[in-house]
Amino acid sequence: MKRLDNKVAIVTGASKGIGAGIAKAFGAEGATVVVNYARDHEGAERVVHEITGKAGEPSPCKAT
């Protein structure tokens, strides 16, 4: 069991930079991650792709 199994993390600004790093770290620890972004859909998809296959279950979500 990982530290964040059965937890959900909403990470704002997760399409790049520090937010992306945090989202990936949470996913690696087992969290279901909401990858929030404002403009960089491709970046958010990249982060989701990197998390997929690890314990977490990512989901991209555009901020409005």
Protein backbone atom coordinates (compact mmCIF):
# COMPACT_ATOMS: atom_id res chain seq x y z
CA MET A 1 0.00 0.00 0.00
CA LYS A 2 1.28 3.46 -0.92
CA ARG A 3 0.99 6.54 1.29
CA LEU A 4 -1.73 8.21 -0.80
CA ASP A 5 -3.81 5.19 -1.82
CA ASN A 6 -7.55 6.02 -1.71
CA LYS A 7 -6.80 9.77 -1.68
CA VAL A 8 -7.64 12.41 -4.30
CA ALA A 9 -5.32 15.32 -5.10
CA ILE A 10 -6.38 18.37 -7.09
CA VAL A 11 -3.24 20.09 -8.39
CA THR A 12 -3.70 23.53 -9.94
CA GLY A 13 -1.25 24.60 -12.61
CA ALA A 14 -0.33 20.95 -13.14
CA SER A 15 0.42 21.18 -16.86
CA LYS A 16 4.02 22.32 -16.30
CA GLY A 17 6.67 23.30 -13.78
CA ILE A 18 6.24 22.76 -10.07
CA GLY A 19 2.56 21.81 -10.44
CA ALA A 20 3.43 19.03 -12.89
CA GLY A 21 6.12 17.75 -10.54
CA ILE A 22 3.70 17.69 -7.62
CA ALA A 23 1.01 15.93 -9.68
CA LYS A 24 3.51 13.24 -10.77
CA ALA A 25 4.76 12.76 -7.20
CA PHE A 26 1.21 12.38 -5.86
CA GLY A 27 0.38 9.91 -8.63
CA ALA A 28 3.49 7.89 -7.85
CA GLU A 29 2.33 7.67 -4.23
CA GLY A 30 -1.04 6.25 -5.29
CA ALA A 31 -3.32 9.31 -5.32
CA THR A 32 -6.02 9.86 -7.90
CA VAL A 33 -4.81 13.15 -9.39
CA VAL A 34 -6.91 15.87 -10.99
CA VAL A 35 -4.47 17.61 -13.36
CA ASN A 36 -5.83 21.16 -13.51
CA TYR A 37 -4.71 23.60 -16.22
CA ALA A 38 -5.77 26.97 -17.62
CA ARG A 39 -4.34 27.05 -21.16
CA ASP A 40 -1.87 24.21 -21.78
CA HIS A 41 -4.08 21.24 -22.67
CA GLU A 42 -1.20 19.41 -24.34
CA GLY A 43 0.96 19.85 -21.24
CA ALA A 44 -1.82 18.51 -19.04
CA GLU A 45 -2.23 15.50 -21.32
CA ARG A 46 1.53 14.89 -21.13
CA VAL A 47 1.40 14.91 -17.32
CA VAL A 48 -1.61 12.57 -17.35
CA HIS A 49 0.27 10.24 -19.68
CA GLU A 50 3.29 10.23 -17.36
CA ILE A 51 1.12 9.41 -14.33
CA THR A 52 -0.84 6.68 -16.15
CA GLY A 53 0.63 3.27 -15.54
CA LYS A 54 1.64 4.15 -12.00
CA ALA A 55 -0.67 3.62 -9.05
CA GLY A 56 -2.54 6.89 -9.52
CA GLU A 57 -5.51 7.51 -11.80
CA PRO A 58 -5.05 10.97 -13.37
CA SER A 59 -7.77 13.13 -14.82
CA PRO A 60 -7.20 16.37 -16.80
CA CYS A 61 -9.49 19.25 -15.86
CA LYS A 62 -9.53 22.70 -17.50
CA ALA A 63 -9.96 25.68 -15.23
CA THR A 64 -12.63 28.12 -16.38
